[in-house]
Amino acid sequence: MQMAVLFALGRDFYGLKPVGPLKVAIIQAENNKLDLVEPLRSICENLELTGADRNALQKNLSVYPNSSECGKNFGRLLERVAKDMQPDIAIVDPLLSYIGGDISKQETCSAFLRNTVHPILQRRQMGLIIMHHTGKPRSKDEEQSGDALSYAGTGSSELTNYVRAASTIFRNKDDENVFDFTYSKRGKRAECDRVIYLKQGENGNIFWER
């Protein structure tokens, strides 16, 4: 949500810079209205948004709650969102709610990403950010290897093979109050620090601070 807000305003997320204000559509299945409003309000307060900023945010950021469409039906949902908003970026949260099959199977992931979603992205000229959960706890090798981190998401390796870039967020092994936000695949192309150390805001603030 914080990244979506910043990108919608044309601002960078701790060095990760959009080319300008972007129209961002969030398609999500896990949060009710209060779960969405609470972090959004906290983020806006911490960013000290002006009236003009809030107007821009209202224009450039939209949330589409949906927990019923998956597989090919998700493709039709994505088409409707693209037609309605014409976003630059669609954020899908989480992948497991929408893939519509066994995520451990390459054919399931390929059919969803390459055959259903990708043609829409190309036709509509928009980007995609996929939120995905990790599987079992990392081994020591995975903690040390950026390449291994790219494949930390549960399911087929096709998920990582398909995406152009992958980022991970894990609790820091030395400080439980710190999280490592790592650009693990194509990290050099991010043109910012490959690892960003973040913490959650204090006193109930729902906000990532460097």
N, C-alpha and C. Protein backbone atom coordinates (compact mmCIF):
# COMPACT_ATOMS: atom_id res chain seq x y z
N MET A 1 0.82 -1.20 0.00
CA MET A 1 0.00 0.00 0.00
C MET A 1 0.86 1.26 0.00
N GLN A 2 1.92 1.24 0.80
CA GLN A 2 2.79 2.42 0.86
C GLN A 2 3.49 2.65 -0.48
N MET A 3 3.95 1.59 -1.11
CA MET A 3 4.57 1.72 -2.42
C MET A 3 3.56 2.21 -3.45
N ALA A 4 2.33 1.69 -3.38
CA ALA A 4 1.29 2.10 -4.32
C ALA A 4 0.99 3.59 -4.18
N VAL A 5 0.90 4.06 -2.95
CA VAL A 5 0.63 5.49 -2.70
C VAL A 5 1.76 6.34 -3.27
N LEU A 6 2.99 5.96 -2.99
CA LEU A 6 4.13 6.75 -3.46
C LEU A 6 4.22 6.76 -4.98
N PHE A 7 4.01 5.59 -5.59
CA PHE A 7 4.07 5.54 -7.05
C PHE A 7 2.94 6.35 -7.68
N ALA A 8 1.77 6.33 -7.05
CA ALA A 8 0.64 7.11 -7.56
C ALA A 8 0.93 8.61 -7.52
N LEU A 9 1.79 9.01 -6.59
CA LEU A 9 2.18 10.41 -6.47
C LEU A 9 3.45 10.74 -7.24
N GLY A 10 4.05 9.72 -7.86
CA GLY A 10 5.30 9.94 -8.58
C GLY A 10 6.51 10.05 -7.69
N ARG A 11 6.40 9.53 -6.47
CA ARG A 11 7.51 9.59 -5.52
C ARG A 11 8.20 8.24 -5.41
N ASP A 12 9.46 8.28 -4.94
CA ASP A 12 10.21 7.03 -4.84
C ASP A 12 9.95 6.34 -3.51
N PHE A 13 10.10 5.03 -3.53
CA PHE A 13 10.02 4.21 -2.32
C PHE A 13 11.46 3.88 -1.91
N TYR A 14 12.03 4.73 -1.05
CA TYR A 14 13.39 4.54 -0.55
C TYR A 14 14.38 4.23 -1.67
N GLY A 15 14.34 5.05 -2.70
CA GLY A 15 15.29 4.95 -3.80
C GLY A 15 14.75 4.28 -5.04
N LEU A 16 13.68 3.50 -4.93
CA LEU A 16 13.07 2.87 -6.10
C LEU A 16 12.13 3.88 -6.75
N LYS A 17 12.52 4.40 -7.92
CA LYS A 17 11.85 5.57 -8.48
C LYS A 17 10.93 5.20 -9.63
N PRO A 18 9.68 5.66 -9.58
CA PRO A 18 8.81 5.55 -10.76
C PRO A 18 9.20 6.62 -11.77
N VAL A 19 8.78 6.45 -13.02
CA VAL A 19 9.12 7.43 -14.04
C VAL A 19 8.32 8.72 -13.87
N GLY A 20 7.28 8.67 -13.05
CA GLY A 20 6.41 9.82 -12.81
C GLY A 20 5.18 9.32 -12.09
N PRO A 21 4.17 10.16 -11.86
CA PRO A 21 2.93 9.69 -11.24
C PRO A 21 2.31 8.57 -12.07
N LEU A 22 2.01 7.46 -11.43
CA LEU A 22 1.45 6.29 -12.12
C LEU A 22 0.04 6.01 -11.65
N LYS A 23 -0.78 5.51 -12.56
CA LYS A 23 -2.11 5.05 -12.17
C LYS A 23 -1.97 3.60 -11.71
N VAL A 24 -2.38 3.36 -10.46
CA VAL A 24 -2.15 2.07 -9.82
C VAL A 24 -3.49 1.46 -9.41
N ALA A 25 -3.71 0.22 -9.84
CA ALA A 25 -4.91 -0.52 -9.46
C ALA A 25 -4.50 -1.68 -8.56
N ILE A 26 -5.09 -1.77 -7.37
CA ILE A 26 -4.83 -2.89 -6.47
C ILE A 26 -6.01 -3.85 -6.53
N ILE A 27 -5.75 -5.07 -6.97
CA ILE A 27 -6.77 -6.13 -6.97
C ILE A 27 -6.44 -7.04 -5.80
N GLN A 28 -7.32 -7.08 -4.80
CA GLN A 28 -6.94 -7.77 -3.57
C GLN A 28 -8.09 -8.61 -3.02
N ALA A 29 -7.70 -9.67 -2.30
CA ALA A 29 -8.69 -10.64 -1.82
C ALA A 29 -8.68 -10.82 -0.31
N GLU A 30 -7.71 -10.24 0.40
CA GLU A 30 -7.51 -10.60 1.81
C GLU A 30 -8.04 -9.57 2.81
N ASN A 31 -8.27 -8.35 2.39
CA ASN A 31 -8.57 -7.29 3.36
C ASN A 31 -9.97 -6.74 3.19
N ASN A 32 -10.65 -6.52 4.33
CA ASN A 32 -11.94 -5.84 4.26
C ASN A 32 -11.70 -4.33 4.23
N LYS A 33 -12.77 -3.57 4.21
CA LYS A 33 -12.65 -2.12 4.04
C LYS A 33 -11.80 -1.48 5.14
N LEU A 34 -12.02 -1.88 6.39
CA LEU A 34 -11.25 -1.30 7.50
C LEU A 34 -9.79 -1.67 7.40
N ASP A 35 -9.50 -2.91 6.94
CA ASP A 35 -8.11 -3.34 6.78
C ASP A 35 -7.39 -2.53 5.72
N LEU A 36 -8.14 -1.96 4.79
CA LEU A 36 -7.56 -1.12 3.75
C LEU A 36 -7.45 0.33 4.20
N VAL A 37 -8.49 0.82 4.88
CA VAL A 37 -8.53 2.23 5.28
C VAL A 37 -7.48 2.53 6.34
N GLU A 38 -7.30 1.63 7.30
CA GLU A 38 -6.38 1.90 8.42
C GLU A 38 -4.95 2.14 7.95
N PRO A 39 -4.36 1.26 7.15
CA PRO A 39 -2.99 1.56 6.70
C PRO A 39 -2.93 2.76 5.76
N LEU A 40 -3.94 2.91 4.91
CA LEU A 40 -3.93 4.04 3.98
C LEU A 40 -3.94 5.37 4.74
N ARG A 41 -4.77 5.45 5.77
CA ARG A 41 -4.83 6.68 6.57
C ARG A 41 -3.50 6.94 7.27
N SER A 42 -2.90 5.89 7.84
CA SER A 42 -1.63 6.05 8.54
C SER A 42 -0.52 6.47 7.59
N ILE A 43 -0.50 5.88 6.40
CA ILE A 43 0.52 6.23 5.40
C ILE A 43 0.38 7.68 4.97
N CYS A 44 -0.84 8.11 4.70
CA CYS A 44 -1.07 9.49 4.27
C CYS A 44 -0.66 10.49 5.35
N GLU A 45 -0.94 10.16 6.61
CA GLU A 45 -0.55 11.05 7.70
C GLU A 45 0.96 11.13 7.84
N ASN A 46 1.64 9.98 7.73
CA ASN A 46 3.09 9.98 7.88
C ASN A 46 3.78 10.68 6.72
N LEU A 47 3.19 10.62 5.54
CA LEU A 47 3.75 11.30 4.38
C LEU A 47 3.40 12.78 4.35
N GLU A 48 2.51 13.20 5.27
CA GLU A 48 2.08 14.61 5.38
C GLU A 48 1.59 15.13 4.03
N LEU A 49 0.63 14.39 3.45
CA LEU A 49 0.13 14.75 2.13
C LEU A 49 -0.66 16.05 2.16
N THR A 50 -0.49 16.85 1.12
CA THR A 50 -1.24 18.08 0.96
C THR A 50 -2.60 17.77 0.32
N GLY A 51 -3.43 18.78 0.24
CA GLY A 51 -4.71 18.61 -0.44
C GLY A 51 -4.53 18.20 -1.89
N ALA A 52 -3.54 18.79 -2.55
CA ALA A 52 -3.26 18.45 -3.94
C ALA A 52 -2.79 16.99 -4.06
N ASP A 53 -1.98 16.56 -3.09
CA ASP A 53 -1.52 15.17 -3.07
C ASP A 53 -2.71 14.22 -2.95
N ARG A 54 -3.63 14.54 -2.06
CA ARG A 54 -4.80 13.68 -1.84
C ARG A 54 -5.70 13.63 -3.08
N ASN A 55 -5.81 14.74 -3.77
CA ASN A 55 -6.58 14.77 -5.02
C ASN A 55 -5.93 13.88 -6.07
N ALA A 56 -4.59 13.96 -6.16
CA ALA A 56 -3.85 13.12 -7.11
C ALA A 56 -4.00 11.65 -6.76
N LEU A 57 -3.98 11.36 -5.46
CA LEU A 57 -4.11 9.98 -5.00
C LEU A 57 -5.49 9.43 -5.34
N GLN A 58 -6.51 10.25 -5.15
CA GLN A 58 -7.87 9.83 -5.47
C GLN A 58 -8.01 9.52 -6.96
N LYS A 59 -7.26 10.25 -7.78
CA LYS A 59 -7.32 10.05 -9.23
C LYS A 59 -6.51 8.83 -9.67
N ASN A 60 -5.37 8.61 -9.02
CA ASN A 60 -4.41 7.64 -9.53
C ASN A 60 -4.39 6.29 -8.82
N LEU A 61 -5.09 6.15 -7.70
CA LEU A 61 -5.05 4.88 -6.96
C LEU A 61 -6.47 4.35 -6.75
N SER A 62 -6.70 3.12 -7.17
CA SER A 62 -8.01 2.48 -6.97
C SER A 62 -7.81 1.07 -6.45
N VAL A 63 -8.74 0.63 -5.61
CA VAL A 63 -8.70 -0.72 -5.05
C VAL A 63 -9.93 -1.48 -5.53
N TYR A 64 -9.68 -2.70 -6.00
CA TYR A 64 -10.75 -3.56 -6.50
C TYR A 64 -10.78 -4.83 -5.66
N PRO A 65 -11.62 -4.88 -4.60
CA PRO A 65 -11.71 -6.10 -3.79
C PRO A 65 -12.40 -7.19 -4.59
N ASN A 66 -11.81 -8.38 -4.60
CA ASN A 66 -12.43 -9.51 -5.27
C ASN A 66 -11.82 -10.80 -4.73
N SER A 67 -12.65 -11.68 -4.26
CA SER A 67 -12.17 -12.95 -3.72
C SER A 67 -12.84 -14.14 -4.40
N SER A 68 -13.42 -13.92 -5.56
CA SER A 68 -14.19 -15.00 -6.20
C SER A 68 -13.67 -15.40 -7.58
N GLU A 69 -12.83 -14.57 -8.21
CA GLU A 69 -12.37 -14.87 -9.56
C GLU A 69 -10.98 -15.50 -9.52
N CYS A 70 -10.79 -16.58 -10.26
CA CYS A 70 -9.47 -17.19 -10.34
C CYS A 70 -9.28 -17.83 -11.72
N GLY A 71 -8.04 -18.17 -12.03
CA GLY A 71 -7.76 -18.78 -13.32
C GLY A 71 -8.14 -17.88 -14.47
N LYS A 72 -8.82 -18.44 -15.46
CA LYS A 72 -9.24 -17.66 -16.63
C LYS A 72 -10.24 -16.57 -16.26
N ASN A 73 -11.04 -16.81 -15.23
CA ASN A 73 -11.98 -15.77 -14.78
C ASN A 73 -11.23 -14.56 -14.25
N PHE A 74 -10.05 -14.78 -13.65
CA PHE A 74 -9.25 -13.64 -13.21
C PHE A 74 -8.81 -12.80 -14.41
N GLY A 75 -8.52 -13.46 -15.51
CA GLY A 75 -8.16 -12.73 -16.72
C GLY A 75 -9.26 -11.78 -17.14
N ARG A 76 -10.50 -12.23 -17.04
CA ARG A 76 -11.63 -11.36 -17.38
C ARG A 76 -11.75 -10.21 -16.38
N LEU A 77 -11.47 -10.49 -15.10
CA LEU A 77 -11.47 -9.43 -14.09
C LEU A 77 -10.39 -8.40 -14.40
N LEU A 78 -9.20 -8.85 -14.75
CA LEU A 78 -8.10 -7.94 -15.07
C LEU A 78 -8.44 -7.08 -16.28
N GLU A 79 -9.11 -7.67 -17.25
CA GLU A 79 -9.56 -6.90 -18.42
C GLU A 79 -10.54 -5.81 -18.02
N ARG A 80 -11.46 -6.12 -17.11
CA ARG A 80 -12.44 -5.13 -16.67
C ARG A 80 -11.75 -3.99 -15.93
N VAL A 81 -10.80 -4.33 -15.07
CA VAL A 81 -10.05 -3.31 -14.34
C VAL A 81 -9.27 -2.43 -15.31
N ALA A 82 -8.62 -3.06 -16.29
CA ALA A 82 -7.84 -2.30 -17.27
C ALA A 82 -8.73 -1.36 -18.08
N LYS A 83 -9.90 -1.83 -18.44
CA LYS A 83 -10.83 -0.99 -19.21
C LYS A 83 -11.37 0.14 -18.35
N ASP A 84 -11.64 -0.14 -17.07
CA ASP A 84 -12.23 0.85 -16.17
C ASP A 84 -11.24 1.96 -15.82
N MET A 85 -10.00 1.59 -15.52
CA MET A 85 -9.05 2.57 -14.97
C MET A 85 -7.89 2.90 -15.90
N GLN A 86 -7.57 1.98 -16.82
CA GLN A 86 -6.39 2.12 -17.66
C GLN A 86 -5.14 2.36 -16.82
N PRO A 87 -4.85 1.43 -15.91
CA PRO A 87 -3.72 1.64 -14.99
C PRO A 87 -2.38 1.44 -15.68
N ASP A 88 -1.36 2.07 -15.10
CA ASP A 88 0.01 1.78 -15.52
C ASP A 88 0.51 0.50 -14.86
N ILE A 89 0.06 0.28 -13.63
CA ILE A 89 0.47 -0.90 -12.87
C ILE A 89 -0.76 -1.50 -12.19
N ALA A 90 -0.87 -2.82 -12.25
CA ALA A 90 -1.86 -3.54 -11.45
C ALA A 90 -1.11 -4.33 -10.39
N ILE A 91 -1.57 -4.24 -9.15
CA ILE A 91 -0.99 -5.00 -8.05
C ILE A 91 -1.97 -6.10 -7.67
N VAL A 92 -1.52 -7.34 -7.70
CA VAL A 92 -2.38 -8.49 -7.40
C VAL A 92 -1.98 -9.03 -6.04
N ASP A 93 -2.92 -9.09 -5.11
CA ASP A 93 -2.63 -9.43 -3.72
C ASP A 93 -3.71 -10.34 -3.13
N PRO A 94 -3.38 -11.64 -2.85
CA PRO A 94 -2.15 -12.36 -3.16
C PRO A 94 -2.36 -13.29 -4.35
N LEU A 95 -1.28 -13.78 -4.90
CA LEU A 95 -1.33 -14.67 -6.05
C LEU A 95 -2.14 -15.93 -5.76
N LEU A 96 -1.97 -16.47 -4.54
CA LEU A 96 -2.64 -17.73 -4.20
C LEU A 96 -4.15 -17.65 -4.31
N SER A 97 -4.72 -16.46 -4.14
CA SER A 97 -6.17 -16.31 -4.22
C SER A 97 -6.68 -16.36 -5.65
N TYR A 98 -5.80 -16.13 -6.62
CA TYR A 98 -6.27 -15.94 -7.99
C TYR A 98 -5.76 -16.96 -9.01
N ILE A 99 -4.73 -17.73 -8.64
CA ILE A 99 -4.13 -18.59 -9.65
C ILE A 99 -5.05 -19.73 -10.07
N GLY A 100 -5.89 -20.22 -9.16
CA GLY A 100 -6.93 -21.18 -9.55
C GLY A 100 -6.45 -22.58 -9.84
N GLY A 101 -5.40 -23.04 -9.16
CA GLY A 101 -4.92 -24.39 -9.37
C GLY A 101 -3.76 -24.70 -8.45
N ASP A 102 -3.10 -25.81 -8.70
CA ASP A 102 -1.98 -26.25 -7.88
C ASP A 102 -0.74 -25.43 -8.24
N ILE A 103 -0.35 -24.54 -7.33
CA ILE A 103 0.73 -23.60 -7.61
C ILE A 103 2.08 -24.29 -7.70
N SER A 104 2.16 -25.54 -7.28
CA SER A 104 3.43 -26.27 -7.38
C SER A 104 3.65 -26.82 -8.78
N LYS A 105 2.65 -26.79 -9.64
CA LYS A 105 2.74 -27.35 -10.98
C LYS A 105 3.07 -26.26 -12.00
N GLN A 106 4.09 -26.52 -12.81
CA GLN A 106 4.50 -25.54 -13.81
C GLN A 106 3.36 -25.23 -14.79
N GLU A 107 2.60 -26.25 -15.19
CA GLU A 107 1.55 -26.00 -16.17
C GLU A 107 0.48 -25.06 -15.63
N THR A 108 0.20 -25.15 -14.33
CA THR A 108 -0.77 -24.23 -13.72
C THR A 108 -0.25 -22.80 -13.77
N CYS A 109 1.01 -22.62 -13.35
CA CYS A 109 1.60 -21.28 -13.31
C CYS A 109 1.77 -20.70 -14.71
N SER A 110 2.19 -21.52 -15.65
CA SER A 110 2.37 -21.04 -17.02
C SER A 110 1.05 -20.64 -17.65
N ALA A 111 0.02 -21.48 -17.42
CA ALA A 111 -1.29 -21.17 -18.00
C ALA A 111 -1.83 -19.86 -17.46
N PHE A 112 -1.61 -19.61 -16.16
CA PHE A 112 -2.12 -18.38 -15.55
C PHE A 112 -1.30 -17.16 -15.97
N LEU A 113 0.02 -17.25 -15.81
CA LEU A 113 0.87 -16.07 -16.04
C LEU A 113 1.12 -15.80 -17.52
N ARG A 114 1.53 -16.82 -18.25
CA ARG A 114 1.95 -16.61 -19.63
C ARG A 114 0.79 -16.60 -20.62
N ASN A 115 -0.23 -17.42 -20.35
CA ASN A 115 -1.32 -17.56 -21.32
C ASN A 115 -2.54 -16.71 -20.99
N THR A 116 -2.78 -16.44 -19.70
CA THR A 116 -3.96 -15.66 -19.30
C THR A 116 -3.63 -14.20 -19.03
N VAL A 117 -2.65 -13.97 -18.16
CA VAL A 117 -2.35 -12.61 -17.70
C VAL A 117 -1.47 -11.84 -18.68
N HIS A 118 -0.40 -12.46 -19.17
CA HIS A 118 0.59 -11.73 -19.96
C HIS A 118 0.02 -11.10 -21.23
N PRO A 119 -0.84 -11.78 -21.98
CA PRO A 119 -1.40 -11.13 -23.17
C PRO A 119 -2.17 -9.85 -22.85
N ILE A 120 -2.82 -9.84 -21.68
CA ILE A 120 -3.56 -8.63 -21.26
C ILE A 120 -2.58 -7.51 -20.96
N LEU A 121 -1.49 -7.83 -20.27
CA LEU A 121 -0.49 -6.81 -19.95
C LEU A 121 0.10 -6.21 -21.21
N GLN A 122 0.39 -7.05 -22.18
CA GLN A 122 0.96 -6.56 -23.44
C GLN A 122 -0.04 -5.70 -24.20
N ARG A 123 -1.27 -6.18 -24.27
CA ARG A 123 -2.29 -5.46 -25.04
C ARG A 123 -2.61 -4.12 -24.39
N ARG A 124 -2.65 -4.10 -23.06
CA ARG A 124 -3.00 -2.88 -22.33
C ARG A 124 -1.79 -2.02 -21.97
N GLN A 125 -0.59 -2.52 -22.24
CA GLN A 125 0.64 -1.78 -21.97
C GLN A 125 0.72 -1.37 -20.50
N MET A 126 0.56 -2.36 -19.61
CA MET A 126 0.66 -2.07 -18.19
C MET A 126 1.57 -3.09 -17.51
N GLY A 127 2.09 -2.68 -16.37
CA GLY A 127 2.95 -3.55 -15.57
C GLY A 127 2.15 -4.29 -14.52
N LEU A 128 2.79 -5.28 -13.91
CA LEU A 128 2.13 -6.11 -12.90
C LEU A 128 3.06 -6.32 -11.72
N ILE A 129 2.54 -6.11 -10.53
CA ILE A 129 3.25 -6.46 -9.29
C ILE A 129 2.44 -7.55 -8.61
N ILE A 130 3.07 -8.69 -8.38
CA ILE A 130 2.39 -9.83 -7.76
C ILE A 130 2.86 -9.97 -6.32
N MET A 131 1.92 -9.96 -5.38
CA MET A 131 2.24 -10.24 -3.98
C MET A 131 2.08 -11.74 -3.75
N HIS A 132 3.11 -12.36 -3.16
CA HIS A 132 3.08 -13.80 -3.01
C HIS A 132 3.72 -14.20 -1.68
N HIS A 133 3.22 -15.29 -1.13
CA HIS A 133 3.71 -15.77 0.17
C HIS A 133 4.90 -16.72 -0.01
N THR A 134 5.73 -16.77 1.02
CA THR A 134 6.84 -17.71 1.02
C THR A 134 6.38 -19.05 1.57
N GLY A 135 7.20 -20.06 1.35
CA GLY A 135 6.90 -21.39 1.85
C GLY A 135 7.60 -21.67 3.16
N LYS A 136 8.35 -22.76 3.19
CA LYS A 136 9.03 -23.17 4.42
C LYS A 136 10.12 -22.15 4.79
N PRO A 137 10.55 -22.14 6.07
CA PRO A 137 11.61 -21.21 6.49
C PRO A 137 12.87 -21.38 5.65
N ARG A 138 13.59 -20.30 5.48
CA ARG A 138 14.79 -20.32 4.66
C ARG A 138 15.91 -21.13 5.30
N SER A 139 16.72 -21.76 4.47
CA SER A 139 17.95 -22.41 4.94
C SER A 139 19.04 -21.35 5.04
N LYS A 140 20.18 -21.72 5.62
CA LYS A 140 21.29 -20.78 5.73
C LYS A 140 21.78 -20.35 4.36
N ASP A 141 21.77 -21.27 3.39
CA ASP A 141 22.21 -20.92 2.04
C ASP A 141 21.31 -19.86 1.43
N GLU A 142 19.99 -20.00 1.66
CA GLU A 142 19.04 -19.05 1.10
C GLU A 142 19.20 -17.69 1.73
N GLU A 143 19.58 -17.67 3.02
CA GLU A 143 19.77 -16.39 3.69
C GLU A 143 20.95 -15.64 3.08
N GLN A 144 21.90 -16.36 2.51
CA GLN A 144 23.12 -15.73 2.01
C GLN A 144 23.09 -15.49 0.51
N SER A 145 22.19 -16.14 -0.20
CA SER A 145 22.21 -16.09 -1.65
C SER A 145 21.04 -15.32 -2.21
N GLY A 146 21.33 -14.26 -2.97
CA GLY A 146 20.27 -13.49 -3.59
C GLY A 146 19.51 -14.30 -4.62
N ASP A 147 20.23 -15.17 -5.35
CA ASP A 147 19.58 -16.00 -6.35
C ASP A 147 18.56 -16.92 -5.70
N ALA A 148 18.92 -17.52 -4.57
CA ALA A 148 18.00 -18.41 -3.87
C ALA A 148 16.80 -17.64 -3.34
N LEU A 149 17.03 -16.41 -2.88
CA LEU A 149 15.93 -15.60 -2.38
C LEU A 149 14.87 -15.36 -3.45
N SER A 150 15.31 -15.28 -4.70
CA SER A 150 14.37 -15.05 -5.79
C SER A 150 13.33 -16.16 -5.88
N TYR A 151 13.71 -17.35 -5.42
CA TYR A 151 12.83 -18.52 -5.52
C TYR A 151 12.20 -18.86 -4.17
N ALA A 152 12.08 -17.88 -3.28
CA ALA A 152 11.57 -18.14 -1.93
C ALA A 152 10.05 -18.33 -1.89
N GLY A 153 9.35 -17.86 -2.91
CA GLY A 153 7.90 -17.99 -2.93
C GLY A 153 7.47 -19.45 -3.06
N THR A 154 6.39 -19.81 -2.38
CA THR A 154 5.92 -21.18 -2.45
C THR A 154 5.42 -21.50 -3.85
N GLY A 155 5.70 -22.72 -4.33
CA GLY A 155 5.20 -23.13 -5.63
C GLY A 155 6.29 -23.37 -6.66
N SER A 156 5.88 -23.48 -7.91
CA SER A 156 6.78 -23.80 -9.02
C SER A 156 7.80 -22.69 -9.25
N SER A 157 8.99 -23.08 -9.70
CA SER A 157 10.02 -22.10 -10.06
C SER A 157 9.59 -21.26 -11.25
N GLU A 158 8.54 -21.69 -11.96
CA GLU A 158 8.02 -20.92 -13.09
C GLU A 158 7.58 -19.53 -12.65
N LEU A 159 7.15 -19.38 -11.40
CA LEU A 159 6.73 -18.07 -10.89
C LEU A 159 7.87 -17.06 -10.99
N THR A 160 9.05 -17.46 -10.56
CA THR A 160 10.21 -16.58 -10.61
C THR A 160 10.77 -16.47 -12.02
N ASN A 161 10.71 -17.57 -12.76
CA ASN A 161 11.21 -17.54 -14.14
C ASN A 161 10.41 -16.55 -15.00
N TYR A 162 9.11 -16.46 -14.72
CA TYR A 162 8.25 -15.58 -15.53
C TYR A 162 8.52 -14.11 -15.25
N VAL A 163 8.61 -13.71 -14.00
CA VAL A 163 8.67 -12.28 -13.67
C VAL A 163 10.01 -11.69 -14.07
N ARG A 164 9.99 -10.41 -14.42
CA ARG A 164 11.21 -9.71 -14.82
C ARG A 164 12.10 -9.40 -13.64
N ALA A 165 11.50 -9.18 -12.48
CA ALA A 165 12.27 -8.86 -11.27
C ALA A 165 11.53 -9.45 -10.07
N ALA A 166 12.29 -9.77 -9.03
CA ALA A 166 11.68 -10.30 -7.81
C ALA A 166 12.31 -9.62 -6.59
N SER A 167 11.47 -9.31 -5.62
CA SER A 167 11.92 -8.73 -4.36
C SER A 167 11.36 -9.55 -3.22
N THR A 168 12.09 -9.59 -2.12
CA THR A 168 11.63 -10.35 -0.96
C THR A 168 11.70 -9.48 0.29
N ILE A 169 10.87 -9.81 1.25
CA ILE A 169 10.97 -9.15 2.55
C ILE A 169 10.94 -10.22 3.63
N PHE A 170 12.00 -10.24 4.44
CA PHE A 170 12.14 -11.19 5.54
C PHE A 170 12.60 -10.45 6.79
N ARG A 171 12.24 -11.01 7.93
CA ARG A 171 12.74 -10.45 9.19
C ARG A 171 14.25 -10.64 9.24
N ASN A 172 14.95 -9.60 9.68
CA ASN A 172 16.40 -9.66 9.78
C ASN A 172 16.82 -10.70 10.83
N LYS A 173 17.84 -11.49 10.51
CA LYS A 173 18.23 -12.59 11.40
C LYS A 173 18.93 -12.09 12.67
N ASP A 174 19.41 -10.85 12.68
CA ASP A 174 20.11 -10.31 13.84
C ASP A 174 19.26 -9.36 14.68
N ASP A 175 18.19 -8.82 14.10
CA ASP A 175 17.35 -7.86 14.82
C ASP A 175 15.90 -8.09 14.41
N GLU A 176 15.10 -8.61 15.30
CA GLU A 176 13.72 -8.97 14.97
C GLU A 176 12.85 -7.76 14.67
N ASN A 177 13.32 -6.55 14.99
CA ASN A 177 12.56 -5.34 14.68
C ASN A 177 12.86 -4.78 13.30
N VAL A 178 13.80 -5.41 12.61
CA VAL A 178 14.23 -4.93 11.29
C VAL A 178 13.85 -5.96 10.24
N PHE A 179 13.45 -5.48 9.06
CA PHE A 179 13.13 -6.35 7.94
C PHE A 179 14.04 -6.02 6.77
N ASP A 180 14.50 -7.07 6.09
CA ASP A 180 15.36 -6.89 4.92
C ASP A 180 14.50 -6.91 3.66
N PHE A 181 14.41 -5.78 2.98
CA PHE A 181 13.70 -5.70 1.70
C PHE A 181 14.76 -5.79 0.62
N THR A 182 14.80 -6.94 -0.07
CA THR A 182 15.90 -7.26 -0.98
C THR A 182 15.41 -7.36 -2.42
N TYR A 183 16.08 -6.64 -3.31
CA TYR A 183 15.83 -6.81 -4.74
C TYR A 183 16.68 -8.00 -5.20
N SER A 184 16.07 -9.18 -5.19
CA SER A 184 16.84 -10.41 -5.32
C SER A 184 17.06 -10.84 -6.76
N LYS A 185 16.13 -10.57 -7.66
CA LYS A 185 16.31 -10.88 -9.07
C LYS A 185 16.37 -9.58 -9.85
N ARG A 186 17.42 -9.40 -10.64
CA ARG A 186 17.66 -8.17 -11.39
C ARG A 186 17.78 -6.96 -10.46
N GLY A 187 18.36 -7.20 -9.29
CA GLY A 187 18.47 -6.15 -8.28
C GLY A 187 19.29 -4.95 -8.73
N LYS A 188 20.29 -5.20 -9.58
CA LYS A 188 21.11 -4.08 -10.05
C LYS A 188 20.32 -3.12 -10.92
N ARG A 189 19.27 -3.64 -11.56
CA ARG A 189 18.46 -2.80 -12.44
C ARG A 189 17.54 -1.86 -11.67
N ALA A 190 17.41 -2.08 -10.37
CA ALA A 190 16.57 -1.21 -9.55
C ALA A 190 17.17 0.18 -9.38
N GLU A 191 18.49 0.28 -9.62
CA GLU A 191 19.20 1.56 -9.54
C GLU A 191 19.08 2.21 -8.16
N CYS A 192 19.09 1.35 -7.14
CA CYS A 192 19.13 1.84 -5.76
C CYS A 192 19.80 0.75 -4.92
N ASP A 193 19.88 0.95 -3.63
CA ASP A 193 20.50 -0.06 -2.78
C ASP A 193 19.80 -1.40 -2.96
N ARG A 194 20.59 -2.47 -3.10
CA ARG A 194 20.02 -3.79 -3.36
C ARG A 194 19.25 -4.32 -2.15
N VAL A 195 19.67 -3.96 -0.95
CA VAL A 195 18.96 -4.33 0.28
C VAL A 195 18.62 -3.06 1.03
N ILE A 196 17.37 -2.92 1.42
CA ILE A 196 16.91 -1.77 2.21
C ILE A 196 16.44 -2.31 3.55
N TYR A 197 16.94 -1.74 4.61
CA TYR A 197 16.57 -2.20 5.95
C TYR A 197 15.44 -1.33 6.49
N LEU A 198 14.34 -1.95 6.79
CA LEU A 198 13.13 -1.24 7.17
C LEU A 198 12.62 -1.69 8.52
N LYS A 199 11.83 -0.82 9.14
CA LYS A 199 11.12 -1.20 10.36
C LYS A 199 9.72 -0.62 10.30
N GLN A 200 8.83 -1.23 11.04
CA GLN A 200 7.47 -0.72 11.12
C GLN A 200 7.44 0.50 12.03
N GLY A 201 6.56 1.45 11.69
CA GLY A 201 6.44 2.66 12.49
C GLY A 201 6.08 2.36 13.93
N GLU A 202 6.49 3.22 14.82
CA GLU A 202 6.24 3.02 16.25
C GLU A 202 4.88 3.60 16.64
N ASN A 203 4.43 3.25 17.83
CA ASN A 203 3.18 3.76 18.40
C ASN A 203 1.96 3.47 17.53
N GLY A 204 1.94 2.28 16.95
CA GLY A 204 0.77 1.87 16.18
C GLY A 204 0.74 2.37 14.76
N ASN A 205 1.76 3.11 14.32
CA ASN A 205 1.81 3.59 12.94
C ASN A 205 1.99 2.42 11.98
N ILE A 206 1.16 2.35 10.96
CA ILE A 206 1.33 1.34 9.92
C ILE A 206 2.08 2.02 8.79
N PHE A 207 3.40 1.96 8.89
CA PHE A 207 4.26 2.73 7.98
C PHE A 207 5.66 2.15 8.02
N TRP A 208 6.24 1.94 6.84
CA TRP A 208 7.61 1.43 6.76
C TRP A 208 8.59 2.60 6.83
N GLU A 209 9.53 2.52 7.77
CA GLU A 209 10.57 3.53 7.92
C GLU A 209 11.92 2.90 7.64
N ARG A 210 12.82 3.67 7.01
CA ARG A 210 14.15 3.15 6.74
C ARG A 210 14.97 3.09 8.02
